[in-house]
C-alpha atoms as a PDB file:
ATOM      1  CA  MET A   1      39.896 -11.376 -45.221  1.00  0.00           C
ATOM      2  CA  LYS A   2      43.223 -12.306 -44.117  1.00  0.00           C
ATOM      3  CA  ARG A   3      44.392  -8.721 -44.016  1.00  0.00           C
ATOM      4  CA  ILE A   4      41.622  -8.314 -41.274  1.00  0.00           C
ATOM      5  CA  PHE A   5      42.816 -10.902 -39.433  1.00  0.00           C
ATOM      6  CA  LYS A   6      46.369  -9.995 -39.567  1.00  0.00           C
ATOM      7  CA  LEU A   7      45.398  -6.529 -38.119  1.00  0.00           C
ATOM      8  CA  ILE A   8      43.538  -8.588 -35.303  1.00  0.00           C
ATOM      9  CA  GLU A   9      46.830 -10.314 -34.516  1.00  0.00           C
ATOM     10  CA  LYS A  10      48.967  -7.611 -34.460  1.00  0.00           C
ATOM     11  CA  TYR A  11      46.959  -5.064 -32.435  1.00  0.00           C
ATOM     12  CA  TYR A  12      45.740  -7.949 -30.133  1.00  0.00           C
ATOM     13  CA  PHE A  13      46.702  -5.804 -27.027  1.00  0.00           C
ATOM     14  CA  ILE A  14      44.579  -2.948 -28.100  1.00  0.00           C
ATOM     15  CA  ILE A  15      41.796  -5.113 -28.463  1.00  0.00           C
ATOM     16  CA  ILE A  16      42.064  -6.768 -25.347  1.00  0.00           C
ATOM     17  CA  ILE A  17      42.083  -3.609 -23.690  1.00  0.00           C
ATOM     18  CA  LEU A  18      39.295  -2.526 -25.363  1.00  0.00           C
ATOM     19  CA  ALA A  19      37.524  -5.714 -24.459  1.00  0.00           C
ATOM     20  CA  VAL A  20      38.137  -5.040 -20.631  1.00  0.00           C
ATOM     21  CA  ALA A  21      36.825  -1.486 -20.927  1.00  0.00           C
ATOM     22  CA  VAL A  22      33.682  -2.552 -22.601  1.00  0.00           C
ATOM     23  CA  SER A  23      33.482  -5.256 -19.542  1.00  0.00           C
ATOM     24  CA  LEU A  24      33.813  -2.839 -16.640  1.00  0.00           C
ATOM     25  CA  VAL A  25      31.036  -0.294 -18.245  1.00  0.00           C
ATOM     26  CA  TYR A  26      28.695  -3.287 -19.751  1.00  0.00           C
ATOM     27  CA  PRO A  27      29.476  -6.320 -17.366  1.00  0.00           C
ATOM     28  CA  LYS A  28      26.478  -8.644 -18.247  1.00  0.00           C
ATOM     29  CA  SER A  29      27.867  -8.125 -22.259  1.00  0.00           C
ATOM     30  CA  PHE A  30      29.709 -10.830 -21.411  1.00  0.00           C
ATOM     31  CA  GLN A  31      28.422 -12.932 -18.896  1.00  0.00           C
ATOM     32  CA  TRP A  32      27.343 -15.499 -21.297  1.00  0.00           C
ATOM     33  CA  VAL A  33      31.301 -16.607 -21.493  1.00  0.00           C
ATOM     34  CA  LEU A  34      31.003 -17.881 -17.738  1.00  0.00           C
ATOM     35  CA  SER A  35      27.731 -19.524 -18.533  1.00  0.00           C
ATOM     36  CA  ASN A  36      26.730 -23.283 -19.334  1.00  0.00           C
ATOM     37  CA  TYR A  37      24.553 -24.016 -22.084  1.00  0.00           C
ATOM     38  CA  ASN A  38      23.220 -27.725 -22.477  1.00  0.00           C
ATOM     39  CA  GLY A  39      25.618 -28.778 -20.005  1.00  0.00           C
ATOM     40  CA  ILE A  40      28.461 -27.423 -21.735  1.00  0.00           C
ATOM     41  CA  ASN A  41      30.864 -24.976 -19.886  1.00  0.00           C
ATOM     42  CA  VAL A  42      31.414 -21.987 -22.550  1.00  0.00           C
ATOM     43  CA  LEU A  43      34.737 -21.045 -20.726  1.00  0.00           C
ATOM     44  CA  ASN A  44      36.139 -24.513 -20.915  1.00  0.00           C
ATOM     45  CA  LEU A  45      34.866 -24.552 -24.863  1.00  0.00           C
ATOM     46  CA  LEU A  46      36.202 -21.437 -25.744  1.00  0.00           C
ATOM     47  CA  LEU A  47      39.862 -22.192 -23.909  1.00  0.00           C
ATOM     48  CA  SER A  48      39.678 -25.574 -25.902  1.00  0.00           C
ATOM     49  CA  ILE A  49      39.415 -24.072 -28.900  1.00  0.00           C
ATOM     50  CA  VAL A  50      42.583 -21.859 -28.285  1.00  0.00           C
ATOM     51  CA  LEU A  51      44.517 -25.416 -27.584  1.00  0.00           C
ATOM     52  CA  PHE A  52      42.797 -26.809 -30.681  1.00  0.00           C
ATOM     53  CA  THR A  53      44.589 -24.155 -32.933  1.00  0.00           C
ATOM     54  CA  MET A  54      47.837 -24.556 -31.241  1.00  0.00           C
ATOM     55  CA  GLY A  55      47.537 -28.341 -32.124  1.00  0.00           C
ATOM     56  CA  THR A  56      46.969 -27.805 -35.803  1.00  0.00           C
ATOM     57  CA  THR A  57      50.091 -25.898 -35.841  1.00  0.00           C
ATOM     58  CA  LEU A  58      52.399 -28.896 -34.203  1.00  0.00           C
ATOM     59  CA  LYS A  59      54.086 -31.679 -35.973  1.00  0.00           C
ATOM     60  CA  ALA A  60      55.860 -34.721 -34.653  1.00  0.00           C
ATOM     61  CA  ASP A  61      59.138 -32.766 -35.289  1.00  0.00           C
ATOM     62  CA  ASP A  62      58.423 -30.141 -32.816  1.00  0.00           C
ATOM     63  CA  PHE A  63      58.550 -33.005 -29.968  1.00  0.00           C
ATOM     64  CA  ILE A  64      61.746 -34.675 -31.352  1.00  0.00           C
ATOM     65  CA  ASN A  65      63.723 -31.223 -31.180  1.00  0.00           C
ATOM     66  CA  VAL A  66      62.925 -31.650 -27.431  1.00  0.00           C
ATOM     67  CA  PHE A  67      65.758 -34.152 -27.646  1.00  0.00           C
ATOM     68  CA  LYS A  68      68.188 -31.800 -30.003  1.00  0.00           C
ATOM     69  CA  ASN A  69      68.195 -29.472 -26.999  1.00  0.00           C
ATOM     70  CA  PRO A  70      67.729 -31.484 -23.827  1.00  0.00           C
ATOM     71  CA  LYS A  71      69.829 -28.952 -21.465  1.00  0.00           C
ATOM     72  CA  GLU A  72      67.714 -25.803 -22.679  1.00  0.00           C
ATOM     73  CA  ILE A  73      64.429 -27.611 -22.607  1.00  0.00           C
ATOM     74  CA  GLY A  74      65.273 -28.982 -18.942  1.00  0.00           C
ATOM     75  CA  VAL A  75      66.413 -25.647 -17.737  1.00  0.00           C
ATOM     76  CA  GLY A  76      62.928 -23.679 -19.120  1.00  0.00           C
ATOM     77  CA  ILE A  77      60.835 -26.523 -18.026  1.00  0.00           C
ATOM     78  CA  SER A  78      62.223 -26.775 -14.597  1.00  0.00           C
ATOM     79  CA  ALA A  79      61.986 -23.116 -13.995  1.00  0.00           C
ATOM     80  CA  GLN A  80      58.340 -23.224 -15.174  1.00  0.00           C
ATOM     81  CA  TYR A  81      57.191 -25.572 -12.578  1.00  0.00           C
ATOM     82  CA  ILE A  82      59.234 -24.529  -9.936  1.00  0.00           C
ATOM     83  CA  ILE A  83      60.421 -21.013  -9.989  1.00  0.00           C
ATOM     84  CA  MET A  84      56.932 -19.761 -11.267  1.00  0.00           C
ATOM     85  CA  PRO A  85      54.916 -21.335  -8.552  1.00  0.00           C
ATOM     86  CA  LEU A  86      57.217 -20.430  -6.128  1.00  0.00           C
ATOM     87  CA  ILE A  87      57.129 -16.822  -6.981  1.00  0.00           C
ATOM     88  CA  ALA A  88      53.103 -17.091  -6.824  1.00  0.00           C
ATOM     89  CA  LEU A  89      53.052 -18.694  -3.293  1.00  0.00           C
ATOM     90  CA  ALA A  90      55.542 -15.777  -2.053  1.00  0.00           C
ATOM     91  CA  ILE A  91      53.422 -13.082  -3.307  1.00  0.00           C
ATOM     92  CA  ALA A  92      50.505 -14.096  -1.873  1.00  0.00           C
ATOM     93  CA  LYS A  93      52.199 -14.838   1.350  1.00  0.00           C
ATOM     94  CA  ILE A  94      53.948 -11.270   1.687  1.00  0.00           C
ATOM     95  CA  PHE A  95      50.813  -9.449   0.556  1.00  0.00           C
ATOM     96  CA  CYS A  96      48.402 -11.627   2.996  1.00  0.00           C
ATOM     97  CA  LEU A  97      45.963 -12.303   0.043  1.00  0.00           C
ATOM     98  CA  ASP A  98      42.926 -13.987   0.692  1.00  0.00           C
ATOM     99  CA  ASP A  99      42.018 -17.538  -0.076  1.00  0.00           C
ATOM    100  CA  ALA A 100      40.396 -16.707  -3.289  1.00  0.00           C
ATOM    101  CA  LEU A 101      43.198 -14.321  -4.987  1.00  0.00           C
ATOM    102  CA  THR A 102      45.757 -17.118  -3.473  1.00  0.00           C
ATOM    103  CA  VAL A 103      44.362 -19.854  -5.298  1.00  0.00           C
ATOM    104  CA  GLY A 104      44.006 -17.588  -8.645  1.00  0.00           C
ATOM    105  CA  LEU A 105      47.543 -16.395  -8.266  1.00  0.00           C
ATOM    106  CA  VAL A 106      48.804 -19.810  -7.779  1.00  0.00           C
ATOM    107  CA  LEU A 107      46.905 -21.196 -10.341  1.00  0.00           C
ATOM    108  CA  VAL A 108      48.678 -18.728 -12.578  1.00  0.00           C
ATOM    109  CA  GLY A 109      51.658 -19.686 -11.399  1.00  0.00           C
ATOM    110  CA  THR A 110      51.262 -23.895 -11.927  1.00  0.00           C
ATOM    111  CA  VAL A 111      49.663 -23.681 -15.276  1.00  0.00           C
ATOM    112  CA  PRO A 112      52.001 -24.459 -18.425  1.00  0.00           C
ATOM    113  CA  GLY A 113      53.675 -21.630 -20.618  1.00  0.00           C
ATOM    114  CA  GLY A 114      51.071 -19.752 -22.872  1.00  0.00           C
ATOM    115  CA  THR A 115      50.931 -19.861 -26.575  1.00  0.00           C
ATOM    116  CA  ALA A 116      51.319 -16.024 -26.696  1.00  0.00           C
ATOM    117  CA  SER A 117      55.015 -16.630 -25.590  1.00  0.00           C
ATOM    118  CA  ASP A 118      55.741 -17.904 -29.175  1.00  0.00           C
ATOM    119  CA  VAL A 119      54.551 -14.624 -30.841  1.00  0.00           C
ATOM    120  CA  ILE A 120      56.532 -12.470 -28.130  1.00  0.00           C
ATOM    121  CA  THR A 121      59.694 -14.258 -28.898  1.00  0.00           C
ATOM    122  CA  PHE A 122      59.353 -14.110 -32.609  1.00  0.00           C
ATOM    123  CA  LEU A 123      58.994 -10.448 -32.189  1.00  0.00           C
ATOM    124  CA  SER A 124      61.692  -9.991 -29.967  1.00  0.00           C
ATOM    125  CA  LYS A 125      64.122 -12.114 -32.140  1.00  0.00           C
ATOM    126  CA  GLY A 126      64.705 -14.993 -29.461  1.00  0.00           C
ATOM    127  CA  ASP A 127      64.788 -18.704 -30.372  1.00  0.00           C
ATOM    128  CA  VAL A 128      61.097 -19.241 -31.717  1.00  0.00           C
ATOM    129  CA  ALA A 129      61.925 -23.279 -31.991  1.00  0.00           C
ATOM    130  CA  LEU A 130      63.148 -23.422 -28.556  1.00  0.00           C
ATOM    131  CA  SER A 131      59.915 -21.384 -27.264  1.00  0.00           C
ATOM    132  CA  VAL A 132      57.524 -23.791 -29.478  1.00  0.00           C
ATOM    133  CA  SER A 133      59.447 -26.698 -27.842  1.00  0.00           C
ATOM    134  CA  LEU A 134      58.952 -25.219 -24.156  1.00  0.00           C
ATOM    135  CA  THR A 135      55.494 -24.325 -24.695  1.00  0.00           C
ATOM    136  CA  SER A 136      54.521 -27.722 -26.007  1.00  0.00           C
ATOM    137  CA  VAL A 137      56.352 -29.580 -23.134  1.00  0.00           C
ATOM    138  CA  SER A 138      55.172 -27.744 -20.570  1.00  0.00           C
ATOM    139  CA  THR A 139      51.384 -28.307 -21.984  1.00  0.00           C
ATOM    140  CA  VAL A 140      51.606 -31.678 -22.395  1.00  0.00           C
ATOM    141  CA  ILE A 141      52.960 -32.697 -18.611  1.00  0.00           C
ATOM    142  CA  SER A 142      50.667 -29.889 -17.048  1.00  0.00           C
ATOM    143  CA  PRO A 143      47.933 -32.605 -16.226  1.00  0.00           C
ATOM    144  CA  ILE A 144      50.079 -34.232 -13.766  1.00  0.00           C
ATOM    145  CA  LEU A 145      52.314 -31.604 -12.706  1.00  0.00           C
ATOM    146  CA  THR A 146      49.703 -28.370 -12.196  1.00  0.00           C
ATOM    147  CA  PRO A 147      47.235 -30.452 -10.005  1.00  0.00           C
ATOM    148  CA  TRP A 148      50.004 -31.906  -7.855  1.00  0.00           C
ATOM    149  CA  ILE A 149      52.390 -28.607  -7.547  1.00  0.00           C
ATOM    150  CA  THR A 150      48.827 -26.633  -6.631  1.00  0.00           C
ATOM    151  CA  LEU A 151      48.113 -29.423  -4.244  1.00  0.00           C
ATOM    152  CA  LEU A 152      51.567 -29.016  -2.679  1.00  0.00           C
ATOM    153  CA  LEU A 153      51.482 -25.310  -2.224  1.00  0.00           C
ATOM    154  CA  ILE A 154      47.723 -24.878  -1.118  1.00  0.00           C
ATOM    155  CA  GLY A 155      46.546 -28.081  -0.550  1.00  0.00           C
ATOM    156  CA  ASN A 156      46.751 -27.791   3.261  1.00  0.00           C
ATOM    157  CA  GLN A 157      45.346 -24.479   3.152  1.00  0.00           C
ATOM    158  CA  ILE A 158      42.431 -24.587   0.721  1.00  0.00           C
ATOM    159  CA  HIS A 159      40.593 -28.133  -0.135  1.00  0.00           C
ATOM    160  CA  PHE A 160      40.056 -29.646  -3.783  1.00  0.00           C
ATOM    161  CA  ASN A 161      40.524 -32.538  -5.871  1.00  0.00           C
ATOM    162  CA  PRO A 162      43.827 -32.928  -7.836  1.00  0.00           C
ATOM    163  CA  VAL A 163      42.411 -35.821  -9.411  1.00  0.00           C
ATOM    164  CA  ASP A 164      39.664 -33.872 -10.991  1.00  0.00           C
ATOM    165  CA  MET A 165      41.799 -30.905 -11.961  1.00  0.00           C
ATOM    166  CA  PHE A 166      44.087 -33.854 -13.556  1.00  0.00           C
ATOM    167  CA  VAL A 167      40.782 -34.851 -15.441  1.00  0.00           C
ATOM    168  CA  SER A 168      39.831 -31.508 -16.727  1.00  0.00           C
ATOM    169  CA  ILE A 169      43.187 -30.549 -17.930  1.00  0.00           C
ATOM    170  CA  ILE A 170      42.950 -33.655 -19.905  1.00  0.00           C
ATOM    171  CA  GLU A 171      39.561 -32.390 -21.369  1.00  0.00           C
ATOM    172  CA  ILE A 172      40.390 -28.771 -21.832  1.00  0.00           C
ATOM    173  CA  VAL A 173      44.422 -28.991 -22.950  1.00  0.00           C
ATOM    174  CA  ILE A 174      45.217 -32.435 -24.499  1.00  0.00           C
ATOM    175  CA  ILE A 175      41.943 -33.831 -26.320  1.00  0.00           C
ATOM    176  CA  PRO A 176      41.873 -30.484 -28.432  1.00  0.00           C
ATOM    177  CA  ILE A 177      45.642 -30.374 -28.835  1.00  0.00           C
ATOM    178  CA  VAL A 178      45.557 -34.183 -30.050  1.00  0.00           C
ATOM    179  CA  LEU A 179      42.686 -33.556 -32.455  1.00  0.00           C
ATOM    180  CA  GLY A 180      44.420 -30.719 -33.544  1.00  0.00           C
ATOM    181  CA  LEU A 181      47.863 -32.739 -34.043  1.00  0.00           C
ATOM    182  CA  ILE A 182      45.360 -35.253 -36.143  1.00  0.00           C
ATOM    183  CA  LEU A 183      43.990 -32.984 -38.474  1.00  0.00           C
ATOM    184  CA  ASN A 184      47.280 -31.553 -39.375  1.00  0.00           C
ATOM    185  CA  TYR A 185      48.775 -34.929 -39.973  1.00  0.00           C
ATOM    186  CA  ILE A 186      45.692 -35.613 -42.352  1.00  0.00           C
ATOM    187  CA  PHE A 187      45.334 -32.441 -43.785  1.00  0.00           C
ATOM    188  CA  PRO A 188      48.864 -30.523 -43.445  1.00  0.00           C
ATOM    189  CA  ASP A 189      48.033 -28.124 -46.487  1.00  0.00           C
ATOM    190  CA  PHE A 190      44.616 -27.158 -44.972  1.00  0.00           C
ATOM    191  CA  CYS A 191      46.568 -26.684 -41.629  1.00  0.00           C
ATOM    192  CA  GLU A 192      48.965 -24.599 -43.215  1.00  0.00           C
ATOM    193  CA  LYS A 193      46.671 -22.213 -44.810  1.00  0.00           C
ATOM    194  CA  LEU A 194      44.908 -21.991 -41.297  1.00  0.00           C
ATOM    195  CA  LYS A 195      48.305 -20.571 -39.994  1.00  0.00           C
ATOM    196  CA  ASP A 196      47.271 -17.096 -41.239  1.00  0.00           C
ATOM    197  CA  TYR A 197      44.207 -17.149 -39.332  1.00  0.00           C
ATOM    198  CA  LEU A 198      44.346 -19.024 -36.013  1.00  0.00           C
ATOM    199  CA  PRO A 199      46.664 -16.651 -34.059  1.00  0.00           C
ATOM    200  CA  ALA A 200      43.680 -14.004 -34.831  1.00  0.00           C
ATOM    201  CA  VAL A 201      41.254 -16.523 -33.679  1.00  0.00           C
ATOM    202  CA  SER A 202      42.957 -17.213 -30.369  1.00  0.00           C
ATOM    203  CA  SER A 203      43.351 -13.701 -29.805  1.00  0.00           C
ATOM    204  CA  ILE A 204      39.703 -13.005 -29.932  1.00  0.00           C
ATOM    205  CA  VAL A 205      38.980 -16.097 -27.829  1.00  0.00           C
ATOM    206  CA  ILE A 206      41.206 -14.869 -24.935  1.00  0.00           C
ATOM    207  CA  CYS A 207      39.613 -11.793 -25.342  1.00  0.00           C
ATOM    208  CA  LEU A 208      36.399 -12.809 -24.419  1.00  0.00           C
ATOM    209  CA  ILE A 209      37.660 -15.048 -21.661  1.00  0.00           C
ATOM    210  CA  VAL A 210      39.386 -12.165 -20.071  1.00  0.00           C
ATOM    211  CA  ALA A 211      36.022  -9.641 -20.682  1.00  0.00           C
ATOM    212  CA  GLY A 212      33.935 -12.516 -19.251  1.00  0.00           C
ATOM    213  CA  VAL A 213      35.663 -13.003 -15.860  1.00  0.00           C
ATOM    214  CA  ILE A 214      36.460  -9.198 -15.522  1.00  0.00           C
ATOM    215  CA  GLY A 215      32.842  -8.255 -16.335  1.00  0.00           C
ATOM    216  CA  ALA A 216      31.663 -10.816 -13.535  1.00  0.00           C
ATOM    217  CA  ASN A 217      34.096  -9.585 -10.835  1.00  0.00           C
ATOM    218  CA  LYS A 218      33.847  -6.077 -11.597  1.00  0.00           C
ATOM    219  CA  GLU A 219      32.981  -4.589  -8.357  1.00  0.00           C
ATOM    220  CA  ALA A 220      35.611  -6.861  -6.554  1.00  0.00           C
ATOM    221  CA  ILE A 221      38.252  -5.419  -8.893  1.00  0.00           C
ATOM    222  CA  LEU A 222      37.475  -2.021  -8.576  1.00  0.00           C
ATOM    223  CA  THR A 223      37.232  -2.141  -4.823  1.00  0.00           C
ATOM    224  CA  SER A 224      40.586  -3.977  -4.402  1.00  0.00           C
ATOM    225  CA  SER A 225      42.073  -3.030  -7.729  1.00  0.00           C
ATOM    226  CA  ALA A 226      45.651  -1.674  -6.313  1.00  0.00           C
ATOM    227  CA  ILE A 227      46.630  -4.814  -4.714  1.00  0.00           C
ATOM    228  CA  ILE A 228      45.509  -6.968  -7.414  1.00  0.00           C
ATOM    229  CA  ILE A 229      47.358  -4.947  -9.895  1.00  0.00           C
ATOM    230  CA  ILE A 230      50.405  -4.598  -8.009  1.00  0.00           C
ATOM    231  CA  VAL A 231      50.694  -8.232  -7.311  1.00  0.00           C
ATOM    232  CA  ILE A 232      50.427  -9.217 -11.181  1.00  0.00           C
ATOM    233  CA  VAL A 233      52.835  -7.006 -12.243  1.00  0.00           C
ATOM    234  CA  LEU A 234      55.170  -8.012  -9.593  1.00  0.00           C
ATOM    235  CA  GLN A 235      54.783 -11.828 -10.325  1.00  0.00           C
ATOM    236  CA  TYR A 236      55.390 -10.870 -14.255  1.00  0.00           C
ATOM    237  CA  PHE A 237      58.357  -8.995 -13.777  1.00  0.00           C
ATOM    238  CA  LEU A 238      59.950 -11.401 -11.305  1.00  0.00           C
ATOM    239  CA  ALA A 239      59.428 -14.226 -13.794  1.00  0.00           C
ATOM    240  CA  MET A 240      61.085 -12.222 -16.421  1.00  0.00           C
ATOM    241  CA  ILE A 241      63.967 -11.322 -14.394  1.00  0.00           C
ATOM    242  CA  LEU A 242      64.568 -14.598 -12.735  1.00  0.00           C
ATOM    243  CA  GLY A 243      63.962 -16.058 -16.376  1.00  0.00           C
ATOM    244  CA  PHE A 244      66.986 -14.191 -17.459  1.00  0.00           C
ATOM    245  CA  GLY A 245      69.154 -15.256 -14.341  1.00  0.00           C
ATOM    246  CA  VAL A 246      68.353 -18.892 -15.095  1.00  0.00           C
ATOM    247  CA  GLY A 247      69.502 -18.754 -18.779  1.00  0.00           C
ATOM    248  CA  TYR A 248      72.594 -16.638 -17.797  1.00  0.00           C
ATOM    249  CA  LEU A 249      73.730 -19.165 -14.971  1.00  0.00           C
ATOM    250  CA  ALA A 250      72.675 -22.295 -17.250  1.00  0.00           C
ATOM    251  CA  GLY A 251      75.097 -20.785 -20.128  1.00  0.00           C
ATOM    252  CA  MET A 252      72.816 -20.149 -22.943  1.00  0.00           C
ATOM    253  CA  ASP A 253      73.179 -17.833 -25.661  1.00  0.00           C
ATOM    254  CA  LYS A 254      71.065 -14.407 -26.003  1.00  0.00           C
ATOM    255  CA  LYS A 255      68.506 -15.731 -28.031  1.00  0.00           C
ATOM    256  CA  GLN A 256      68.057 -18.574 -25.722  1.00  0.00           C
ATOM    257  CA  ILE A 257      68.068 -16.459 -22.600  1.00  0.00           C
ATOM    258  CA  VAL A 258      65.473 -14.048 -23.898  1.00  0.00           C
ATOM    259  CA  THR A 259      63.321 -17.188 -24.681  1.00  0.00           C
ATOM    260  CA  VAL A 260      63.139 -18.522 -21.326  1.00  0.00           C
ATOM    261  CA  ALA A 261      62.400 -15.175 -19.939  1.00  0.00           C
ATOM    262  CA  ILE A 262      59.735 -14.972 -22.078  1.00  0.00           C
ATOM    263  CA  GLU A 263      58.273 -18.635 -21.681  1.00  0.00           C
ATOM    264  CA  LEU A 264      58.452 -18.349 -17.953  1.00  0.00           C
ATOM    265  CA  ALA A 265      56.697 -14.950 -17.614  1.00  0.00           C
ATOM    266  CA  PHE A 266      53.990 -15.732 -19.966  1.00  0.00           C
ATOM    267  CA  GLN A 267      51.287 -18.350 -18.559  1.00  0.00           C
ATOM    268  CA  ASN A 268      48.566 -20.207 -20.056  1.00  0.00           C
ATOM    269  CA  SER A 269      46.244 -17.707 -17.860  1.00  0.00           C
ATOM    270  CA  GLY A 270      43.022 -18.635 -19.481  1.00  0.00           C
ATOM    271  CA  LEU A 271      43.615 -22.035 -18.052  1.00  0.00           C
ATOM    272  CA  SER A 272      44.396 -20.825 -14.956  1.00  0.00           C
ATOM    273  CA  THR A 273      40.806 -18.776 -14.887  1.00  0.00           C
ATOM    274  CA  SER A 274      39.110 -22.128 -16.238  1.00  0.00           C
ATOM    275  CA  LEU A 275      40.558 -24.246 -13.294  1.00  0.00           C
ATOM    276  CA  ALA A 276      39.862 -21.755 -10.847  1.00  0.00           C
ATOM    277  CA  LYS A 277      36.242 -21.535 -11.826  1.00  0.00           C
ATOM    278  CA  THR A 278      35.696 -24.970 -12.140  1.00  0.00           C
ATOM    279  CA  HIS A 279      37.588 -26.354  -8.945  1.00  0.00           C
ATOM    280  CA  PHE A 280      37.057 -23.695  -6.648  1.00  0.00           C
ATOM    281  CA  PRO A 281      33.340 -22.212  -7.277  1.00  0.00           C
ATOM    282  CA  ASN A 282      32.883 -21.012  -3.930  1.00  0.00           C
ATOM    283  CA  LEU A 283      35.787 -18.505  -4.328  1.00  0.00           C
ATOM    284  CA  SER A 284      34.758 -16.301  -6.997  1.00  0.00           C
ATOM    285  CA  GLN A 285      37.579 -14.121  -7.065  1.00  0.00           C
ATOM    286  CA  ALA A 286      40.108 -16.799  -7.703  1.00  0.00           C
ATOM    287  CA  THR A 287      39.339 -16.149 -11.572  1.00  0.00           C
ATOM    288  CA  VAL A 288      40.753 -12.336 -11.364  1.00  0.00           C
ATOM    289  CA  PRO A 289      44.128 -12.889 -11.402  1.00  0.00           C
ATOM    290  CA  GLY A 290      44.463 -15.331 -14.102  1.00  0.00           C
ATOM    291  CA  ALA A 291      42.123 -12.804 -16.105  1.00  0.00           C
ATOM    292  CA  LEU A 292      44.055  -9.440 -15.066  1.00  0.00           C
ATOM    293  CA  TYR A 293      47.517 -11.698 -15.984  1.00  0.00           C
ATOM    294  CA  SER A 294      46.093 -12.192 -19.351  1.00  0.00           C
ATOM    295  CA  VAL A 295      45.746  -8.441 -20.248  1.00  0.00           C
ATOM    296  CA  TRP A 296      48.917  -7.582 -18.374  1.00  0.00           C
ATOM    297  CA  GLN A 297      51.313 -10.217 -20.022  1.00  0.00           C
ATOM    298  CA  ASN A 298      50.046  -9.174 -23.344  1.00  0.00           C
ATOM    299  CA  LEU A 299      50.511  -5.291 -22.863  1.00  0.00           C
ATOM    300  CA  ALA A 300      53.598  -5.413 -21.516  1.00  0.00           C
ATOM    301  CA  GLY A 301      55.094  -8.237 -23.610  1.00  0.00           C
ATOM    302  CA  SER A 302      54.587  -6.104 -26.668  1.00  0.00           C
ATOM    303  CA  ILE A 303      56.527  -3.231 -25.457  1.00  0.00           C
ATOM    304  CA  LEU A 304      59.515  -5.536 -23.873  1.00  0.00           C
ATOM    305  CA  ALA A 305      59.677  -7.271 -27.453  1.00  0.00           C
ATOM    306  CA  TYR A 306      60.367  -3.939 -28.964  1.00  0.00           C
ATOM    307  CA  ILE A 307      63.025  -3.411 -26.307  1.00  0.00           C
ATOM    308  CA  PHE A 308      64.527  -6.776 -26.307  1.00  0.00           C
ATOM    309  CA  ARG A 309      64.518  -6.439 -30.219  1.00  0.00           C
ATOM    310  CA  ARG A 310      66.562  -3.301 -30.037  1.00  0.00           C
ATOM    311  CA  TYR A 311      68.753  -3.722 -27.347  1.00  0.00           C
ATOM    312  CA  VAL A 312      69.398  -7.077 -26.395  1.00  0.00           C
END
């Protein structure tokens, strides 16, 4: 059984591509992902499962490490919540994207770093401890910064309630992480055993979310795929390049520079998709950038990890 989960973890990028292919051929097969059952939003529930698994892998020491590397953490978090949102807004303006895609792209830029960054950092022989700290801190402060920065960037153009978004992030992100932390504190041995299985569980859940969103927006994606894909790829590589630049200018070593670049480029795209669906229900295509970004960051990240490991 453990071997199967390890294979899922190892070949995640292939599985997510297969899920996307199935969702495009049979879009209704993942329709349930965007449904509500007995008042429960399935998409939010799935995302909470991912964040809960993240919580079970964390300990208080992970947050204490923040104070051991204040410069690196400060630089990484500042880049996360300044550079990434500005990249998203700039690309949306340059390509004259409509309101829905602008919302989706900006949300990809304003959400915290994704847990996949820790895996890619490990594969790239980067600073894994720094990656975990950056992901954890950016996630914990996201209920305040994500709604505020989103309001600052597009609030005059597109109406939404930042307070409601704050509450959503607390429910979807913070509560599951806290529950995971509590479980890890009470049953550390059990959670240690779970580490062999949780990455695969998270991978499967993200695949379901991406497939659900892409299936629901099949026509929109196929009719405007070129622009959407160009925008997503550009956002990713600009983040990666600027991440390298920021790390270098901050005087970090090679491992830390690679880590900051990966952390900046890897976003919690599942959260951006969930927020788009929940808070911009009239802009159905707002969920598309997050779903496509998830596919691209994992595909490109797997390739870049090999390059970083060999040549950086």
